[in-house]
Amino acid sequence: AGAVSVAGRQAVIAPAVAPGGWRVIGQTPLTLLDV
């Protein structure tokens, strides 16, 4: 969770732990997902 990734011409932040094929270039300590 918090992985900051890029792929193609897009960018994303992962709110939760999950599989992924994007390139992870960093991580934020912030919590995005709050149940």
Full PDB file with SEQRES, HELIX, SHEET, SSBOND, CRYST1, ORIGX, SCALE, CONECT and MASTER records, all heavy atoms in Angstrom:
SEQRES   1 A   35  ALA GLY ALA VAL SER VAL ALA GLY ARG GLN ALA VAL ILE          
SEQRES   2 A   35  ALA PRO ALA VAL ALA PRO GLY GLY TRP ARG VAL ILE GLY          
SEQRES   3 A   35  GLN THR PRO LEU THR LEU LEU ASP VAL                          
SHEET    1 AA1 3 GLN A  10  ILE A  13  0                                        
SHEET    2 AA1 3 ALA A   3  ALA A   7 -1                                        
SHEET    3 AA1 3 ARG A  23  GLN A  27 -1                                        
CRYST1    1.000    1.000    1.000  90.00  90.00  90.00 P 1           1          
ORIGX1      1.000000  0.000000  0.000000        0.00000                         
ORIGX2      0.000000  1.000000  0.000000        0.00000                         
ORIGX3      0.000000  0.000000  1.000000        0.00000                         
SCALE1      1.000000  0.000000  0.000000        0.00000                         
SCALE2      0.000000  1.000000  0.000000        0.00000                         
SCALE3      0.000000  0.000000  1.000000        0.00000                         
ATOM      1  N   ALA A   1       0.855  -1.186   0.000  1.00  0.00           N  
ATOM      2  CA  ALA A   1       0.000   0.000   0.000  1.00  0.00           C  
ATOM      3  C   ALA A   1       0.890   1.235   0.000  1.00  0.00           C  
ATOM      4  O   ALA A   1       1.918   1.279   0.671  1.00  0.00           O  
ATOM      5  CB  ALA A   1      -0.895  -0.001   1.237  1.00  0.00           C  
ATOM      6  N   GLY A   2       0.496   2.230  -0.772  1.00  0.00           N  
ATOM      7  CA  GLY A   2       1.286   3.452  -0.874  1.00  0.00           C  
ATOM      8  C   GLY A   2       2.305   3.442  -1.989  1.00  0.00           C  
ATOM      9  O   GLY A   2       2.980   4.456  -2.212  1.00  0.00           O  
ATOM     10  N   ALA A   3       2.441   2.309  -2.701  1.00  0.00           N  
ATOM     11  CA  ALA A   3       3.400   2.239  -3.800  1.00  0.00           C  
ATOM     12  C   ALA A   3       3.053   3.267  -4.870  1.00  0.00           C  
ATOM     13  O   ALA A   3       1.907   3.382  -5.292  1.00  0.00           O  
ATOM     14  CB  ALA A   3       3.420   0.841  -4.398  1.00  0.00           C  
ATOM     15  N   VAL A   4       4.041   4.018  -5.293  1.00  0.00           N  
ATOM     16  CA  VAL A   4       3.888   5.043  -6.330  1.00  0.00           C  
ATOM     17  C   VAL A   4       4.493   4.469  -7.604  1.00  0.00           C  
ATOM     18  O   VAL A   4       5.696   4.194  -7.656  1.00  0.00           O  
ATOM     19  CB  VAL A   4       4.589   6.344  -5.903  1.00  0.00           C  
ATOM     20  CG1 VAL A   4       4.583   7.362  -7.032  1.00  0.00           C  
ATOM     21  CG2 VAL A   4       3.923   6.917  -4.655  1.00  0.00           C  
ATOM     22  N   SER A   5       3.665   4.260  -8.615  1.00  0.00           N  
ATOM     23  CA  SER A   5       4.083   3.480  -9.776  1.00  0.00           C  
ATOM     24  C   SER A   5       3.757   4.184 -11.081  1.00  0.00           C  
ATOM     25  O   SER A   5       2.891   5.071 -11.145  1.00  0.00           O  
ATOM     26  CB  SER A   5       3.400   2.104  -9.754  1.00  0.00           C  
ATOM     27  OG  SER A   5       3.626   1.432  -8.533  1.00  0.00           O  
ATOM     28  N   VAL A   6       4.444   3.745 -12.141  1.00  0.00           N  
ATOM     29  CA  VAL A   6       4.213   4.260 -13.487  1.00  0.00           C  
ATOM     30  C   VAL A   6       4.197   3.097 -14.470  1.00  0.00           C  
ATOM     31  O   VAL A   6       4.849   2.070 -14.254  1.00  0.00           O  
ATOM     32  CB  VAL A   6       5.304   5.276 -13.900  1.00  0.00           C  
ATOM     33  CG1 VAL A   6       5.171   6.569 -13.116  1.00  0.00           C  
ATOM     34  CG2 VAL A   6       6.707   4.692 -13.708  1.00  0.00           C  
ATOM     35  N   ALA A   7       3.451   3.281 -15.554  1.00  0.00           N  
ATOM     36  CA  ALA A   7       3.428   2.301 -16.642  1.00  0.00           C  
ATOM     37  C   ALA A   7       2.818   2.977 -17.856  1.00  0.00           C  
ATOM     38  O   ALA A   7       1.855   3.745 -17.722  1.00  0.00           O  
ATOM     39  CB  ALA A   7       2.636   1.053 -16.273  1.00  0.00           C  
ATOM     40  N   GLY A   8       3.371   2.695 -19.027  1.00  0.00           N  
ATOM     41  CA  GLY A   8       2.877   3.353 -20.228  1.00  0.00           C  
ATOM     42  C   GLY A   8       3.015   4.847 -20.086  1.00  0.00           C  
ATOM     43  O   GLY A   8       4.086   5.367 -19.784  1.00  0.00           O  
ATOM     44  N   ARG A   9       1.906   5.558 -20.243  1.00  0.00           N  
ATOM     45  CA  ARG A   9       1.863   7.007 -20.029  1.00  0.00           C  
ATOM     46  C   ARG A   9       0.961   7.340 -18.848  1.00  0.00           C  
ATOM     47  O   ARG A   9       0.327   8.383 -18.808  1.00  0.00           O  
ATOM     48  CB  ARG A   9       1.339   7.697 -21.289  1.00  0.00           C  
ATOM     49  CG  ARG A   9       2.277   7.623 -22.494  1.00  0.00           C  
ATOM     50  CD  ARG A   9       3.503   8.479 -22.305  1.00  0.00           C  
ATOM     51  NE  ARG A   9       4.332   8.567 -23.522  1.00  0.00           N  
ATOM     52  CZ  ARG A   9       5.491   9.202 -23.590  1.00  0.00           C  
ATOM     53  NH1 ARG A   9       5.982   9.801 -22.511  1.00  0.00           N  
ATOM     54  NH2 ARG A   9       6.174   9.231 -24.717  1.00  0.00           N  
ATOM     55  N   GLN A  10       0.924   6.430 -17.856  1.00  0.00           N  
ATOM     56  CA  GLN A  10       0.048   6.624 -16.704  1.00  0.00           C  
ATOM     57  C   GLN A  10       0.830   6.547 -15.398  1.00  0.00           C  
ATOM     58  O   GLN A  10       1.939   6.010 -15.338  1.00  0.00           O  
ATOM     59  CB  GLN A  10      -1.063   5.577 -16.697  1.00  0.00           C  
ATOM     60  CG  GLN A  10      -2.079   5.731 -17.820  1.00  0.00           C  
ATOM     61  CD  GLN A  10      -3.177   4.695 -17.718  1.00  0.00           C  
ATOM     62  OE1 GLN A  10      -2.951   3.507 -17.926  1.00  0.00           O  
ATOM     63  NE2 GLN A  10      -4.378   5.138 -17.381  1.00  0.00           N  
ATOM     64  N   ALA A  11       0.206   7.081 -14.354  1.00  0.00           N  
ATOM     65  CA  ALA A  11       0.762   7.045 -13.004  1.00  0.00           C  
ATOM     66  C   ALA A  11      -0.342   6.631 -12.044  1.00  0.00           C  
ATOM     67  O   ALA A  11      -1.530   6.841 -12.312  1.00  0.00           O  
ATOM     68  CB  ALA A  11       1.318   8.416 -12.614  1.00  0.00           C  
ATOM     69  N   VAL A  12       0.052   6.068 -10.892  1.00  0.00           N  
ATOM     70  CA  VAL A  12      -0.939   5.582  -9.935  1.00  0.00           C  
ATOM     71  C   VAL A  12      -0.307   5.486  -8.557  1.00  0.00           C  
ATOM     72  O   VAL A  12       0.924   5.446  -8.416  1.00  0.00           O  
ATOM     73  CB  VAL A  12      -1.491   4.197 -10.379  1.00  0.00           C  
ATOM     74  CG1 VAL A  12      -0.455   3.095 -10.141  1.00  0.00           C  
ATOM     75  CG2 VAL A  12      -2.808   3.862  -9.688  1.00  0.00           C  
ATOM     76  N   ILE A  13      -1.171   5.472  -7.529  1.00  0.00           N  
ATOM     77  CA  ILE A  13      -0.758   5.145  -6.165  1.00  0.00           C  
ATOM     78  C   ILE A  13      -1.599   3.950  -5.734  1.00  0.00           C  
ATOM     79  O   ILE A  13      -2.811   3.922  -5.981  1.00  0.00           O  
ATOM     80  CB  ILE A  13      -1.007   6.304  -5.185  1.00  0.00           C  
ATOM     81  CG1 ILE A  13      -0.507   7.625  -5.743  1.00  0.00           C  
ATOM     82  CG2 ILE A  13      -0.337   6.013  -3.837  1.00  0.00           C  
ATOM     83  CD1 ILE A  13      -0.943   8.830  -4.912  1.00  0.00           C  
ATOM     84  N   ALA A  14      -0.985   2.969  -5.083  1.00  0.00           N  
ATOM     85  CA  ALA A  14      -1.723   1.787  -4.625  1.00  0.00           C  
ATOM     86  C   ALA A  14      -2.337   2.054  -3.251  1.00  0.00           C  
ATOM     87  O   ALA A  14      -1.600   2.283  -2.290  1.00  0.00           O  
ATOM     88  CB  ALA A  14      -0.798   0.581  -4.545  1.00  0.00           C  
ATOM     89  N   PRO A  15      -3.674   2.037  -3.117  1.00  0.00           N  
ATOM     90  CA  PRO A  15      -4.281   2.238  -1.797  1.00  0.00           C  
ATOM     91  C   PRO A  15      -4.162   1.021  -0.882  1.00  0.00           C  
ATOM     92  O   PRO A  15      -4.273   1.147   0.328  1.00  0.00           O  
ATOM     93  CB  PRO A  15      -5.756   2.497  -2.127  1.00  0.00           C  
ATOM     94  CG  PRO A  15      -5.804   2.775  -3.593  1.00  0.00           C  
ATOM     95  CD  PRO A  15      -4.673   1.983  -4.182  1.00  0.00           C  
ATOM     96  N   ALA A  16      -3.961  -0.178  -1.467  1.00  0.00           N  
ATOM     97  CA  ALA A  16      -3.950  -1.402  -0.677  1.00  0.00           C  
ATOM     98  C   ALA A  16      -2.931  -2.376  -1.258  1.00  0.00           C  
ATOM     99  O   ALA A  16      -2.528  -2.252  -2.420  1.00  0.00           O  
ATOM    100  CB  ALA A  16      -5.338  -2.049  -0.669  1.00  0.00           C  
ATOM    101  N   VAL A  17      -2.521  -3.334  -0.456  1.00  0.00           N  
ATOM    102  CA  VAL A  17      -1.604  -4.381  -0.911  1.00  0.00           C  
ATOM    103  C   VAL A  17      -2.286  -5.204  -2.002  1.00  0.00           C  
ATOM    104  O   VAL A  17      -3.442  -5.624  -1.841  1.00  0.00           O  
ATOM    105  CB  VAL A  17      -1.189  -5.292   0.252  1.00  0.00           C  
ATOM    106  CG1 VAL A  17      -0.284  -6.422  -0.241  1.00  0.00           C  
ATOM    107  CG2 VAL A  17      -0.488  -4.485   1.338  1.00  0.00           C  
ATOM    108  N   ALA A  18      -1.588  -5.424  -3.117  1.00  0.00           N  
ATOM    109  CA  ALA A  18      -2.171  -6.188  -4.225  1.00  0.00           C  
ATOM    110  C   ALA A  18      -1.062  -6.576  -5.191  1.00  0.00           C  
ATOM    111  O   ALA A  18       0.015  -5.986  -5.188  1.00  0.00           O  
ATOM    112  CB  ALA A  18      -3.230  -5.362  -4.955  1.00  0.00           C  
ATOM    113  N   PRO A  19      -1.304  -7.591  -6.034  1.00  0.00           N  
ATOM    114  CA  PRO A  19      -0.342  -7.897  -7.096  1.00  0.00           C  
ATOM    115  C   PRO A  19      -0.265  -6.727  -8.073  1.00  0.00           C  
ATOM    116  O   PRO A  19      -1.197  -5.916  -8.174  1.00  0.00           O  
ATOM    117  CB  PRO A  19      -0.952  -9.136  -7.777  1.00  0.00           C  
ATOM    118  CG  PRO A  19      -1.952  -9.662  -6.805  1.00  0.00           C  
ATOM    119  CD  PRO A  19      -2.458  -8.499  -6.037  1.00  0.00           C  
ATOM    120  N   GLY A  20       0.846  -6.623  -8.812  1.00  0.00           N  
ATOM    121  CA  GLY A  20       0.954  -5.521  -9.767  1.00  0.00           C  
ATOM    122  C   GLY A  20       2.126  -5.666 -10.709  1.00  0.00           C  
ATOM    123  O   GLY A  20       3.179  -6.192 -10.331  1.00  0.00           O  
ATOM    124  N   GLY A  21       1.946  -5.182 -11.926  1.00  0.00           N  
ATOM    125  CA  GLY A  21       2.996  -5.227 -12.932  1.00  0.00           C  
ATOM    126  C   GLY A  21       3.531  -3.865 -13.316  1.00  0.00           C  
ATOM    127  O   GLY A  21       4.340  -3.736 -14.236  1.00  0.00           O  
ATOM    128  N   TRP A  22       3.073  -2.812 -12.616  1.00  0.00           N  
ATOM    129  CA  TRP A  22       3.582  -1.474 -12.891  1.00  0.00           C  
ATOM    130  C   TRP A  22       4.958  -1.305 -12.244  1.00  0.00           C  
ATOM    131  O   TRP A  22       5.319  -2.017 -11.310  1.00  0.00           O  
ATOM    132  CB  TRP A  22       2.620  -0.428 -12.325  1.00  0.00           C  
ATOM    133  CG  TRP A  22       1.315  -0.327 -13.066  1.00  0.00           C  
ATOM    134  CD1 TRP A  22       0.542  -1.354 -13.526  1.00  0.00           C  
ATOM    135  CD2 TRP A  22       0.631   0.872 -13.422  1.00  0.00           C  
ATOM    136  NE1 TRP A  22      -0.585  -0.871 -14.139  1.00  0.00           N  
ATOM    137  CE2 TRP A  22      -0.562   0.500 -14.095  1.00  0.00           C  
ATOM    138  CE3 TRP A  22       0.889   2.227 -13.242  1.00  0.00           C  
ATOM    139  CZ2 TRP A  22      -1.470   1.433 -14.582  1.00  0.00           C  
ATOM    140  CZ3 TRP A  22      -0.026   3.154 -13.719  1.00  0.00           C  
ATOM    141  CH2 TRP A  22      -1.190   2.762 -14.388  1.00  0.00           C  
ATOM    142  N   ARG A  23       5.715  -0.332 -12.719  1.00  0.00           N  
ATOM    143  CA  ARG A  23       7.051  -0.057 -12.184  1.00  0.00           C  
ATOM    144  C   ARG A  23       6.937   0.823 -10.941  1.00  0.00           C  
ATOM    145  O   ARG A  23       6.463   1.946 -10.997  1.00  0.00           O  
ATOM    146  CB  ARG A  23       7.893   0.657 -13.237  1.00  0.00           C  
ATOM    147  CG  ARG A  23       8.034  -0.109 -14.548  1.00  0.00           C  
ATOM    148  CD  ARG A  23       9.100  -1.180 -14.470  1.00  0.00           C  
ATOM    149  NE  ARG A  23       9.228  -1.890 -15.755  1.00  0.00           N  
ATOM    150  CZ  ARG A  23      10.243  -2.672 -16.086  1.00  0.00           C  
ATOM    151  NH1 ARG A  23      11.227  -2.862 -15.222  1.00  0.00           N  
ATOM    152  NH2 ARG A  23      10.277  -3.284 -17.252  1.00  0.00           N  
ATOM    153  N   VAL A  24       7.398   0.294  -9.825  1.00  0.00           N  
ATOM    154  CA  VAL A  24       7.317   1.012  -8.550  1.00  0.00           C  
ATOM    155  C   VAL A  24       8.572   1.873  -8.394  1.00  0.00           C  
ATOM    156  O   VAL A  24       9.690   1.355  -8.311  1.00  0.00           O  
ATOM    157  CB  VAL A  24       7.199   0.033  -7.367  1.00  0.00           C  
ATOM    158  CG1 VAL A  24       7.129   0.799  -6.052  1.00  0.00           C  
ATOM    159  CG2 VAL A  24       5.977  -0.864  -7.532  1.00  0.00           C  
ATOM    160  N   ILE A  25       8.391   3.199  -8.360  1.00  0.00           N  
ATOM    161  CA  ILE A  25       9.539   4.104  -8.248  1.00  0.00           C  
ATOM    162  C   ILE A  25       9.618   4.769  -6.878  1.00  0.00           C  
ATOM    163  O   ILE A  25      10.604   5.457  -6.587  1.00  0.00           O  
ATOM    164  CB  ILE A  25       9.526   5.173  -9.352  1.00  0.00           C  
ATOM    165  CG1 ILE A  25       8.274   6.049  -9.263  1.00  0.00           C  
ATOM    166  CG2 ILE A  25       9.619   4.514 -10.732  1.00  0.00           C  
ATOM    167  CD1 ILE A  25       8.299   7.239 -10.226  1.00  0.00           C  
ATOM    168  N   GLY A  26       8.605   4.567  -6.048  1.00  0.00           N  
ATOM    169  CA  GLY A  26       8.632   5.171  -4.723  1.00  0.00           C  
ATOM    170  C   GLY A  26       7.461   4.683  -3.894  1.00  0.00           C  
ATOM    171  O   GLY A  26       6.673   3.834  -4.317  1.00  0.00           O  
ATOM    172  N   GLN A  27       7.350   5.229  -2.690  1.00  0.00           N  
ATOM    173  CA  GLN A  27       6.247   4.864  -1.804  1.00  0.00           C  
ATOM    174  C   GLN A  27       5.908   6.052  -0.921  1.00  0.00           C  
ATOM    175  O   GLN A  27       6.792   6.770  -0.450  1.00  0.00           O  
ATOM    176  CB  GLN A  27       6.622   3.658  -0.937  1.00  0.00           C  
ATOM    177  CG  GLN A  27       5.471   3.111  -0.088  1.00  0.00           C  
ATOM    178  CD  GLN A  27       5.871   1.854   0.686  1.00  0.00           C  
ATOM    179  OE1 GLN A  27       6.968   1.329   0.508  1.00  0.00           O  
ATOM    180  NE2 GLN A  27       4.991   1.381   1.548  1.00  0.00           N  
ATOM    181  N   THR A  28       4.617   6.274  -0.717  1.00  0.00           N  
ATOM    182  CA  THR A  28       4.184   7.303   0.217  1.00  0.00           C  
ATOM    183  C   THR A  28       3.821   6.674   1.552  1.00  0.00           C  
ATOM    184  O   THR A  28       3.247   5.577   1.584  1.00  0.00           O  
ATOM    185  CB  THR A  28       2.974   8.095  -0.334  1.00  0.00           C  
ATOM    186  OG1 THR A  28       2.581   9.080   0.640  1.00  0.00           O  
ATOM    187  CG2 THR A  28       1.785   7.189  -0.636  1.00  0.00           C  
ATOM    188  N   PRO A  29       4.128   7.340   2.654  1.00  0.00           N  
ATOM    189  CA  PRO A  29       3.731   6.818   3.960  1.00  0.00           C  
ATOM    190  C   PRO A  29       2.265   7.105   4.285  1.00  0.00           C  
ATOM    191  O   PRO A  29       1.753   6.590   5.283  1.00  0.00           O  
ATOM    192  CB  PRO A  29       4.648   7.573   4.927  1.00  0.00           C  
ATOM    193  CG  PRO A  29       4.945   8.872   4.230  1.00  0.00           C  
ATOM    194  CD  PRO A  29       4.993   8.535   2.764  1.00  0.00           C  
ATOM    195  N   LEU A  30       1.588   7.894   3.458  1.00  0.00           N  
ATOM    196  CA  LEU A  30       0.198   8.238   3.735  1.00  0.00           C  
ATOM    197  C   LEU A  30      -0.713   7.029   3.567  1.00  0.00           C  
ATOM    198  O   LEU A  30      -0.456   6.149   2.747  1.00  0.00           O  
ATOM    199  CB  LEU A  30      -0.275   9.356   2.805  1.00  0.00           C  
ATOM    200  CG  LEU A  30       0.464  10.695   2.869  1.00  0.00           C  
ATOM    201  CD1 LEU A  30      -0.229  11.705   1.966  1.00  0.00           C  
ATOM    202  CD2 LEU A  30       0.555  11.217   4.298  1.00  0.00           C  
ATOM    203  N   THR A  31      -1.806   7.014   4.331  1.00  0.00           N  
ATOM    204  CA  THR A  31      -2.840   5.986   4.192  1.00  0.00           C  
ATOM    205  C   THR A  31      -3.948   6.532   3.303  1.00  0.00           C  
ATOM    206  O   THR A  31      -4.584   7.540   3.629  1.00  0.00           O  
ATOM    207  CB  THR A  31      -3.416   5.611   5.565  1.00  0.00           C  
ATOM    208  OG1 THR A  31      -2.381   5.012   6.356  1.00  0.00           O  
ATOM    209  CG2 THR A  31      -4.564   4.619   5.420  1.00  0.00           C  
ATOM    210  N   LEU A  32      -4.166   5.861   2.155  1.00  0.00           N  
ATOM    211  CA  LEU A  32      -5.198   6.300   1.224  1.00  0.00           C  
ATOM    212  C   LEU A  32      -6.545   5.680   1.543  1.00  0.00           C  
ATOM    213  O   LEU A  32      -7.580   6.344   1.465  1.00  0.00           O  
ATOM    214  CB  LEU A  32      -4.817   5.936  -0.214  1.00  0.00           C  
ATOM    215  CG  LEU A  32      -3.798   6.814  -0.942  1.00  0.00           C  
ATOM    216  CD1 LEU A  32      -2.412   6.750  -0.317  1.00  0.00           C  
ATOM    217  CD2 LEU A  32      -3.725   6.427  -2.417  1.00  0.00           C  
ATOM    218  N   LEU A  33      -6.542   4.405   1.875  1.00  0.00           N  
ATOM    219  CA  LEU A  33      -7.771   3.643   2.068  1.00  0.00           C  
ATOM    220  C   LEU A  33      -8.102   3.563   3.552  1.00  0.00           C  
ATOM    221  O   LEU A  33      -7.294   3.097   4.347  1.00  0.00           O  
ATOM    222  CB  LEU A  33      -7.603   2.238   1.489  1.00  0.00           C  
ATOM    223  CG  LEU A  33      -8.781   1.280   1.636  1.00  0.00           C  
ATOM    224  CD1 LEU A  33      -9.955   1.740   0.787  1.00  0.00           C  
ATOM    225  CD2 LEU A  33      -8.366  -0.137   1.235  1.00  0.00           C  
ATOM    226  N   ASP A  34      -9.295   4.005   3.914  1.00  0.00           N  
ATOM    227  CA  ASP A  34      -9.737   3.982   5.312  1.00  0.00           C  
ATOM    228  C   ASP A  34     -11.128   3.370   5.357  1.00  0.00           C  
ATOM    229  O   ASP A  34     -12.108   3.972   4.897  1.00  0.00           O  
ATOM    230  CB  ASP A  34      -9.750   5.405   5.871  1.00  0.00           C  
ATOM    231  CG  ASP A  34     -10.209   5.460   7.320  1.00  0.00           C  
ATOM    232  OD1 ASP A  34     -10.413   4.388   7.926  1.00  0.00           O  
ATOM    233  OD2 ASP A  34     -10.371   6.575   7.845  1.00  0.00           O  
ATOM    234  N   VAL A  35     -11.240   2.156   5.914  1.00  0.00           N  
ATOM    235  CA  VAL A  35     -12.529   1.449   5.916  1.00  0.00           C  
ATOM    236  C   VAL A  35     -13.560   2.135   6.800  1.00  0.00           C  
ATOM    237  O   VAL A  35     -14.758   1.869   6.696  1.00  0.00           O  
ATOM    238  CB  VAL A  35     -12.349  -0.017   6.369  1.00  0.00           C  
ATOM    239  CG1 VAL A  35     -11.510  -0.786   5.369  1.00  0.00           C  
ATOM    240  CG2 VAL A  35     -11.729  -0.088   7.765  1.00  0.00           C  
TER     241      VAL A  35                                                      
MASTER        0    0    0    0    3    0    0    6  240    1    0    3          
END                                                                             
